[in-house]
Amino acid sequence: MTDDRYIIARLREEIPTFECIPGCHDCCGPVTTSSEEMSRLPVKSDAEHEAALNEFNCVHLGPKGCEVYGERPLICRLFGTTPKMACPNGCRPEQMVEAEVENQVHQFIARTRQVLV
């Protein structure tokens, strides 16, 4: 496992999960992610990317929500788990993400090449 894969796996385990409101996608706008995380997602066409961007949505947002939820990038996993990226509908895990883990995610994002999802 590459260093980045290991870091991604470790951070994923440390970010708490919670239930979103069914049908909500308020946090599912276009985001950037590392090339490593992007390589785990289905390839979308330029037309699909353009259509999603025109709606300010993520290209992996489908009619029933996130189509790559299990592989969603770290930045998506942080939404709703930290006061800095609070859910606009008040959803949250029982325990918010530890500040150190949040900082490690942001450090990972800052040091890796980011691509638009």
N, C-alpha and C. Protein backbone atom coordinates (compact mmCIF):
# COMPACT_ATOMS: atom_id res chain seq x y z
N MET A 1 0.85 -1.18 0.00
CA MET A 1 0.00 0.00 0.00
C MET A 1 0.89 1.24 0.00
N THR A 2 0.62 2.17 -0.92
CA THR A 2 1.42 3.39 -0.97
C THR A 2 1.17 4.23 0.28
N ASP A 3 2.09 5.15 0.54
CA ASP A 3 1.93 6.01 1.71
C ASP A 3 0.60 6.75 1.68
N ASP A 4 0.24 7.33 0.51
CA ASP A 4 -1.03 8.05 0.43
C ASP A 4 -2.21 7.13 0.65
N ARG A 5 -2.18 5.94 0.12
CA ARG A 5 -3.28 4.99 0.35
C ARG A 5 -3.41 4.67 1.83
N TYR A 6 -2.28 4.48 2.49
CA TYR A 6 -2.29 4.21 3.92
C TYR A 6 -2.88 5.39 4.68
N ILE A 7 -2.44 6.59 4.35
CA ILE A 7 -2.93 7.80 5.02
C ILE A 7 -4.43 7.96 4.81
N ILE A 8 -4.88 7.78 3.58
CA ILE A 8 -6.31 7.88 3.27
C ILE A 8 -7.10 6.86 4.09
N ALA A 9 -6.65 5.61 4.11
CA ALA A 9 -7.34 4.56 4.85
C ALA A 9 -7.39 4.89 6.34
N ARG A 10 -6.29 5.35 6.89
CA ARG A 10 -6.24 5.69 8.32
C ARG A 10 -7.17 6.84 8.64
N LEU A 11 -7.14 7.89 7.83
CA LEU A 11 -7.99 9.04 8.09
C LEU A 11 -9.47 8.69 7.94
N ARG A 12 -9.80 7.86 6.95
CA ARG A 12 -11.19 7.42 6.78
C ARG A 12 -11.72 6.76 8.04
N GLU A 13 -10.88 5.95 8.66
CA GLU A 13 -11.28 5.25 9.88
C GLU A 13 -11.51 6.21 11.04
N GLU A 14 -10.85 7.35 11.02
CA GLU A 14 -10.92 8.28 12.14
C GLU A 14 -11.97 9.38 11.96
N ILE A 15 -12.60 9.45 10.79
CA ILE A 15 -13.65 10.44 10.57
C ILE A 15 -14.98 9.78 10.90
N PRO A 16 -15.72 10.32 11.88
CA PRO A 16 -16.99 9.70 12.26
C PRO A 16 -18.03 9.80 11.13
N THR A 17 -18.97 8.90 11.15
CA THR A 17 -20.05 8.91 10.16
C THR A 17 -21.35 9.29 10.85
N PHE A 18 -22.33 9.68 10.06
CA PHE A 18 -23.66 10.01 10.57
C PHE A 18 -24.65 9.90 9.42
N GLU A 19 -25.91 9.88 9.76
CA GLU A 19 -26.96 9.78 8.75
C GLU A 19 -27.35 11.17 8.24
N CYS A 20 -27.38 11.30 6.94
CA CYS A 20 -27.86 12.53 6.32
C CYS A 20 -29.39 12.45 6.19
N ILE A 21 -30.00 13.59 5.93
CA ILE A 21 -31.42 13.61 5.64
C ILE A 21 -31.60 12.99 4.25
N PRO A 22 -32.45 11.97 4.12
CA PRO A 22 -32.64 11.36 2.80
C PRO A 22 -33.02 12.41 1.75
N GLY A 23 -32.34 12.33 0.62
CA GLY A 23 -32.60 13.26 -0.47
C GLY A 23 -31.82 14.56 -0.40
N CYS A 24 -31.17 14.82 0.72
CA CYS A 24 -30.39 16.05 0.86
C CYS A 24 -29.07 15.88 0.11
N HIS A 25 -28.66 16.92 -0.53
CA HIS A 25 -27.34 16.94 -1.16
C HIS A 25 -26.75 18.35 -1.08
N ASP A 26 -27.08 19.03 0.03
CA ASP A 26 -26.61 20.41 0.22
C ASP A 26 -25.09 20.53 0.23
N CYS A 27 -24.40 19.47 0.61
CA CYS A 27 -22.93 19.51 0.68
C CYS A 27 -22.27 18.89 -0.54
N CYS A 28 -23.05 18.53 -1.54
CA CYS A 28 -22.53 17.75 -2.67
C CYS A 28 -22.22 18.60 -3.88
N GLY A 29 -21.56 19.70 -3.66
CA GLY A 29 -21.13 20.53 -4.78
C GLY A 29 -19.82 20.00 -5.33
N PRO A 30 -19.32 20.59 -6.37
CA PRO A 30 -18.02 20.15 -6.88
C PRO A 30 -16.93 20.38 -5.84
N VAL A 31 -16.06 19.42 -5.70
CA VAL A 31 -14.94 19.51 -4.77
C VAL A 31 -13.68 19.04 -5.49
N THR A 32 -12.56 19.29 -4.86
CA THR A 32 -11.32 18.72 -5.37
C THR A 32 -10.91 17.59 -4.46
N THR A 33 -10.15 16.67 -5.02
CA THR A 33 -9.66 15.52 -4.27
C THR A 33 -8.31 15.11 -4.81
N SER A 34 -7.64 14.27 -4.06
CA SER A 34 -6.33 13.81 -4.49
C SER A 34 -6.45 12.88 -5.70
N SER A 35 -5.40 12.80 -6.46
CA SER A 35 -5.37 11.88 -7.61
C SER A 35 -5.58 10.45 -7.15
N GLU A 36 -5.03 10.09 -5.99
CA GLU A 36 -5.19 8.74 -5.45
C GLU A 36 -6.66 8.44 -5.18
N GLU A 37 -7.36 9.37 -4.54
CA GLU A 37 -8.79 9.15 -4.27
C GLU A 37 -9.59 9.14 -5.57
N MET A 38 -9.23 10.00 -6.49
CA MET A 38 -9.94 10.08 -7.77
C MET A 38 -9.81 8.77 -8.54
N SER A 39 -8.67 8.11 -8.42
CA SER A 39 -8.44 6.86 -9.16
C SER A 39 -9.38 5.75 -8.70
N ARG A 40 -10.00 5.91 -7.54
CA ARG A 40 -10.91 4.91 -7.00
C ARG A 40 -12.35 5.14 -7.44
N LEU A 41 -12.59 6.27 -8.10
CA LEU A 41 -13.95 6.64 -8.50
C LEU A 41 -14.18 6.29 -9.96
N PRO A 42 -15.44 6.02 -10.34
CA PRO A 42 -15.74 5.75 -11.74
C PRO A 42 -15.38 6.95 -12.62
N VAL A 43 -14.89 6.67 -13.80
CA VAL A 43 -14.54 7.72 -14.75
C VAL A 43 -15.82 8.27 -15.37
N LYS A 44 -15.92 9.57 -15.39
CA LYS A 44 -17.07 10.25 -15.98
C LYS A 44 -16.62 11.01 -17.22
N SER A 45 -17.51 11.18 -18.15
CA SER A 45 -17.18 11.88 -19.40
C SER A 45 -17.09 13.38 -19.17
N ASP A 46 -16.46 14.06 -20.12
CA ASP A 46 -16.38 15.52 -20.05
C ASP A 46 -17.78 16.13 -20.01
N ALA A 47 -18.71 15.56 -20.78
CA ALA A 47 -20.08 16.07 -20.81
C ALA A 47 -20.75 15.91 -19.44
N GLU A 48 -20.51 14.79 -18.77
CA GLU A 48 -21.07 14.58 -17.43
C GLU A 48 -20.49 15.58 -16.44
N HIS A 49 -19.19 15.81 -16.53
CA HIS A 49 -18.55 16.80 -15.65
C HIS A 49 -19.13 18.19 -15.90
N GLU A 50 -19.26 18.56 -17.16
CA GLU A 50 -19.77 19.88 -17.51
C GLU A 50 -21.21 20.06 -17.01
N ALA A 51 -22.04 19.04 -17.20
CA ALA A 51 -23.44 19.13 -16.75
C ALA A 51 -23.51 19.29 -15.23
N ALA A 52 -22.69 18.55 -14.51
CA ALA A 52 -22.68 18.65 -13.05
C ALA A 52 -22.21 20.03 -12.61
N LEU A 53 -21.14 20.53 -13.23
CA LEU A 53 -20.63 21.85 -12.87
C LEU A 53 -21.66 22.95 -13.15
N ASN A 54 -22.39 22.80 -14.23
CA ASN A 54 -23.43 23.79 -14.57
C ASN A 54 -24.49 23.88 -13.49
N GLU A 55 -24.70 22.78 -12.76
CA GLU A 55 -25.68 22.74 -11.67
C GLU A 55 -25.02 22.92 -10.30
N PHE A 56 -23.72 23.17 -10.30
CA PHE A 56 -22.93 23.27 -9.06
C PHE A 56 -23.06 22.00 -8.22
N ASN A 57 -23.08 20.85 -8.90
CA ASN A 57 -23.16 19.55 -8.24
C ASN A 57 -21.89 18.76 -8.47
N CYS A 58 -21.73 17.74 -7.69
CA CYS A 58 -20.67 16.77 -7.90
C CYS A 58 -21.10 15.85 -9.04
N VAL A 59 -20.19 15.45 -9.85
CA VAL A 59 -20.49 14.57 -10.98
C VAL A 59 -20.97 13.19 -10.51
N HIS A 60 -20.70 12.84 -9.26
CA HIS A 60 -21.12 11.54 -8.73
C HIS A 60 -22.42 11.61 -7.93
N LEU A 61 -23.10 12.75 -8.01
CA LEU A 61 -24.39 12.90 -7.35
C LEU A 61 -25.47 12.39 -8.29
N GLY A 62 -26.18 11.37 -7.86
CA GLY A 62 -27.26 10.81 -8.67
C GLY A 62 -28.61 11.16 -8.08
N PRO A 63 -29.68 10.65 -8.68
CA PRO A 63 -31.03 10.97 -8.21
C PRO A 63 -31.30 10.53 -6.76
N LYS A 64 -30.58 9.52 -6.30
CA LYS A 64 -30.78 9.02 -4.94
C LYS A 64 -29.62 9.39 -4.01
N GLY A 65 -28.81 10.35 -4.42
CA GLY A 65 -27.70 10.80 -3.59
C GLY A 65 -26.36 10.40 -4.16
N CYS A 66 -25.37 10.31 -3.29
CA CYS A 66 -24.00 10.02 -3.70
C CYS A 66 -23.90 8.59 -4.23
N GLU A 67 -23.41 8.48 -5.45
CA GLU A 67 -23.27 7.17 -6.08
C GLU A 67 -21.95 6.49 -5.74
N VAL A 68 -21.07 7.20 -5.04
CA VAL A 68 -19.77 6.64 -4.66
C VAL A 68 -19.56 6.78 -3.15
N TYR A 69 -20.63 6.72 -2.39
CA TYR A 69 -20.59 7.03 -0.96
C TYR A 69 -19.48 6.26 -0.23
N GLY A 70 -19.31 5.00 -0.50
CA GLY A 70 -18.29 4.21 0.17
C GLY A 70 -16.88 4.63 -0.17
N GLU A 71 -16.69 5.24 -1.32
CA GLU A 71 -15.37 5.70 -1.77
C GLU A 71 -15.25 7.21 -1.81
N ARG A 72 -16.22 7.90 -1.25
CA ARG A 72 -16.20 9.37 -1.33
C ARG A 72 -14.91 9.92 -0.74
N PRO A 73 -14.43 11.03 -1.29
CA PRO A 73 -13.17 11.62 -0.85
C PRO A 73 -13.20 12.08 0.60
N LEU A 74 -12.02 12.27 1.15
CA LEU A 74 -11.89 12.73 2.54
C LEU A 74 -12.63 14.03 2.79
N ILE A 75 -12.54 14.97 1.85
CA ILE A 75 -13.20 16.26 2.06
C ILE A 75 -14.70 16.07 2.20
N CYS A 76 -15.27 15.15 1.47
CA CYS A 76 -16.71 14.87 1.57
C CYS A 76 -17.04 14.24 2.92
N ARG A 77 -16.14 13.40 3.39
CA ARG A 77 -16.35 12.74 4.68
C ARG A 77 -16.31 13.74 5.84
N LEU A 78 -15.56 14.83 5.68
CA LEU A 78 -15.46 15.84 6.74
C LEU A 78 -16.75 16.65 6.89
N PHE A 79 -17.48 16.85 5.79
CA PHE A 79 -18.69 17.67 5.87
C PHE A 79 -19.61 17.13 6.96
N GLY A 80 -20.01 18.02 7.84
CA GLY A 80 -20.93 17.67 8.92
C GLY A 80 -20.27 17.10 10.15
N THR A 81 -18.96 16.85 10.09
CA THR A 81 -18.29 16.25 11.24
C THR A 81 -17.45 17.25 12.01
N THR A 82 -17.40 18.49 11.54
CA THR A 82 -16.59 19.53 12.18
C THR A 82 -17.36 20.85 12.15
N PRO A 83 -17.25 21.65 13.18
CA PRO A 83 -17.94 22.94 13.17
C PRO A 83 -17.52 23.83 12.00
N LYS A 84 -16.30 23.66 11.51
CA LYS A 84 -15.83 24.46 10.38
C LYS A 84 -16.55 24.11 9.09
N MET A 85 -17.11 22.91 9.01
CA MET A 85 -17.82 22.44 7.82
C MET A 85 -19.14 21.80 8.26
N ALA A 86 -19.94 22.57 8.97
CA ALA A 86 -21.17 22.06 9.57
C ALA A 86 -22.22 21.75 8.51
N CYS A 87 -23.03 20.74 8.81
CA CYS A 87 -24.17 20.42 7.96
C CYS A 87 -25.18 21.56 8.06
N PRO A 88 -25.66 22.08 6.93
CA PRO A 88 -26.62 23.18 6.98
C PRO A 88 -27.96 22.76 7.57
N ASN A 89 -28.19 21.45 7.69
CA ASN A 89 -29.45 20.95 8.25
C ASN A 89 -29.30 20.46 9.69
N GLY A 90 -28.12 20.68 10.28
CA GLY A 90 -27.91 20.32 11.67
C GLY A 90 -27.60 18.86 11.94
N CYS A 91 -27.39 18.06 10.90
CA CYS A 91 -27.02 16.67 11.11
C CYS A 91 -25.56 16.62 11.56
N ARG A 92 -25.25 15.63 12.39
CA ARG A 92 -23.87 15.49 12.87
C ARG A 92 -23.71 14.15 13.55
N PRO A 93 -22.48 13.69 13.67
CA PRO A 93 -22.25 12.45 14.41
C PRO A 93 -22.36 12.70 15.92
N GLU A 94 -22.44 11.62 16.69
CA GLU A 94 -22.46 11.77 18.15
C GLU A 94 -21.22 12.50 18.63
N GLN A 95 -20.07 12.10 18.12
CA GLN A 95 -18.80 12.74 18.45
C GLN A 95 -18.26 13.38 17.18
N MET A 96 -17.94 14.66 17.25
CA MET A 96 -17.37 15.34 16.10
C MET A 96 -15.94 14.84 15.88
N VAL A 97 -15.42 15.07 14.70
CA VAL A 97 -14.07 14.63 14.37
C VAL A 97 -13.07 15.34 15.29
N GLU A 98 -12.04 14.62 15.66
CA GLU A 98 -10.99 15.22 16.49
C GLU A 98 -10.28 16.31 15.68
N ALA A 99 -9.95 17.40 16.33
CA ALA A 99 -9.29 18.53 15.66
C ALA A 99 -8.00 18.09 14.97
N GLU A 100 -7.24 17.20 15.60
CA GLU A 100 -5.98 16.74 15.00
C GLU A 100 -6.24 15.96 13.71
N VAL A 101 -7.29 15.15 13.69
CA VAL A 101 -7.63 14.39 12.47
C VAL A 101 -8.06 15.36 11.37
N GLU A 102 -8.88 16.34 11.72
CA GLU A 102 -9.29 17.34 10.74
C GLU A 102 -8.06 18.06 10.17
N ASN A 103 -7.13 18.44 11.03
CA ASN A 103 -5.91 19.09 10.57
C ASN A 103 -5.10 18.18 9.66
N GLN A 104 -5.03 16.90 9.97
CA GLN A 104 -4.30 15.95 9.13
C GLN A 104 -4.95 15.82 7.75
N VAL A 105 -6.27 15.85 7.69
CA VAL A 105 -6.97 15.81 6.40
C VAL A 105 -6.59 17.05 5.59
N HIS A 106 -6.65 18.21 6.21
CA HIS A 106 -6.32 19.45 5.49
C HIS A 106 -4.85 19.48 5.07
N GLN A 107 -3.97 18.93 5.89
CA GLN A 107 -2.55 18.85 5.53
C GLN A 107 -2.37 17.90 4.34
N PHE A 108 -3.07 16.78 4.33
CA PHE A 108 -3.00 15.84 3.21
C PHE A 108 -3.47 16.53 1.93
N ILE A 109 -4.58 17.24 2.02
CA ILE A 109 -5.12 17.94 0.85
C ILE A 109 -4.11 18.99 0.36
N ALA A 110 -3.49 19.70 1.28
CA ALA A 110 -2.55 20.76 0.90
C ALA A 110 -1.30 20.22 0.23
N ARG A 111 -0.88 19.02 0.58
CA ARG A 111 0.38 18.49 0.03
C ARG A 111 0.19 17.58 -1.18
N THR A 112 -1.05 17.25 -1.53
CA THR A 112 -1.27 16.38 -2.69
C THR A 112 -1.84 17.18 -3.86
N ARG A 113 -1.57 16.67 -5.04
CA ARG A 113 -2.13 17.28 -6.24
C ARG A 113 -3.63 17.04 -6.22
N GLN A 114 -4.39 18.10 -6.34
CA GLN A 114 -5.84 18.00 -6.30
C GLN A 114 -6.42 18.11 -7.69
N VAL A 115 -7.48 17.32 -7.93
CA VAL A 115 -8.20 17.36 -9.20
C VAL A 115 -9.68 17.57 -8.90
N LEU A 116 -10.39 18.17 -9.83
CA LEU A 116 -11.81 18.45 -9.66
C LEU A 116 -12.62 17.18 -9.85
N VAL A 117 -13.48 16.91 -8.87
CA VAL A 117 -14.37 15.74 -8.97
C VAL A 117 -15.57 16.17 -9.79
